Protein backbone atom coordinates (compact mmCIF):
# COMPACT_ATOMS: atom_id res chain seq x y z
CA MET A 1 158.73 213.82 48.36
CA MET A 2 156.21 211.58 46.69
CA THR A 3 154.42 213.01 43.70
CA VAL A 4 150.85 212.45 42.49
CA THR A 5 150.84 210.53 39.23
CA GLN A 6 147.14 210.03 38.60
CA ILE A 7 143.75 211.35 39.62
CA ASP A 8 140.59 209.24 39.37
CA PRO A 9 137.22 210.99 39.80
CA VAL A 10 134.31 208.73 40.72
CA LEU A 11 130.61 209.66 40.71
CA ALA A 12 128.81 208.52 43.85
CA GLU A 13 125.73 206.34 43.54
CA ASP A 14 123.49 209.23 44.42
CA GLY A 15 124.82 211.30 41.49
CA ARG A 16 125.29 214.33 43.75
CA ASN A 17 128.84 213.78 44.94
CA VAL A 18 132.19 213.27 43.19
CA ALA A 19 135.03 211.48 44.95
CA PHE A 20 138.59 212.08 43.84
CA TYR A 21 141.46 209.64 44.38
CA ALA A 22 144.92 211.09 43.79
CA TRP A 23 147.48 208.29 43.48
CA LYS A 24 151.06 208.91 44.54
CA ASP A 25 154.02 207.15 42.91
CA ASP A 26 154.24 204.85 46.00
CA ASP A 27 150.62 203.71 45.54
CA GLU A 28 149.44 205.77 48.51
CA ALA A 29 146.19 207.65 47.83
CA ILE A 30 144.78 211.03 48.78
CA PHE A 31 141.00 211.17 48.95
CA TRP A 32 138.55 214.05 48.92
CA SER A 33 135.02 214.63 47.67
CA ILE A 34 132.76 217.43 46.63
CA SER A 35 128.97 217.87 46.71
CA LEU A 36 127.18 218.96 43.58
CA PRO A 37 124.24 221.36 43.44
CA MET A 38 122.28 218.88 41.25
CA ARG A 39 122.18 215.24 40.32
CA ILE A 40 124.37 214.13 37.39
CA GLU A 41 123.65 211.05 35.35
CA GLU A 42 126.49 208.53 35.07
CA ALA A 43 126.59 208.76 31.26
CA ALA A 44 127.01 212.54 31.41
CA PHE A 45 129.70 212.17 34.05
CA ASP A 46 131.55 209.67 31.91
CA ASP A 47 131.28 211.95 28.84
CA MET A 48 132.97 214.72 30.83
CA LEU A 49 135.56 212.50 32.56
CA PRO A 50 138.61 214.49 31.17
CA ALA A 51 137.10 217.71 32.60
CA TRP A 52 136.62 216.02 35.99
CA VAL A 53 140.25 214.83 35.95
CA GLU A 54 141.39 218.39 35.12
CA LEU A 55 139.27 219.75 37.98
CA GLY A 56 140.85 217.23 40.35
CA TRP A 57 144.35 218.41 39.34
CA LYS A 58 143.35 222.05 39.81
CA MET A 59 141.89 221.34 43.24
CA LEU A 60 144.96 219.40 44.30
CA THR A 61 147.40 222.11 43.18
CA GLN A 62 145.34 224.86 44.88
CA HIS A 63 145.24 222.90 48.10
CA SER A 64 148.98 222.11 47.91
CA GLY A 65 149.99 225.67 47.01
């Protein structure tokens, strides 16, 4: 079983969607996205990047469990 080693959240150009890339140890990726209720500026997103990564891990473990 391949395990996820990294999650990279990316803010979409419109500032209203966040894409998550979960990288497995064989370089395969899992992709999903979420819509946000409001627009987020890129600087604010970058300031909160650790929280977005944590959310990505939580979403992945809830979906897997």
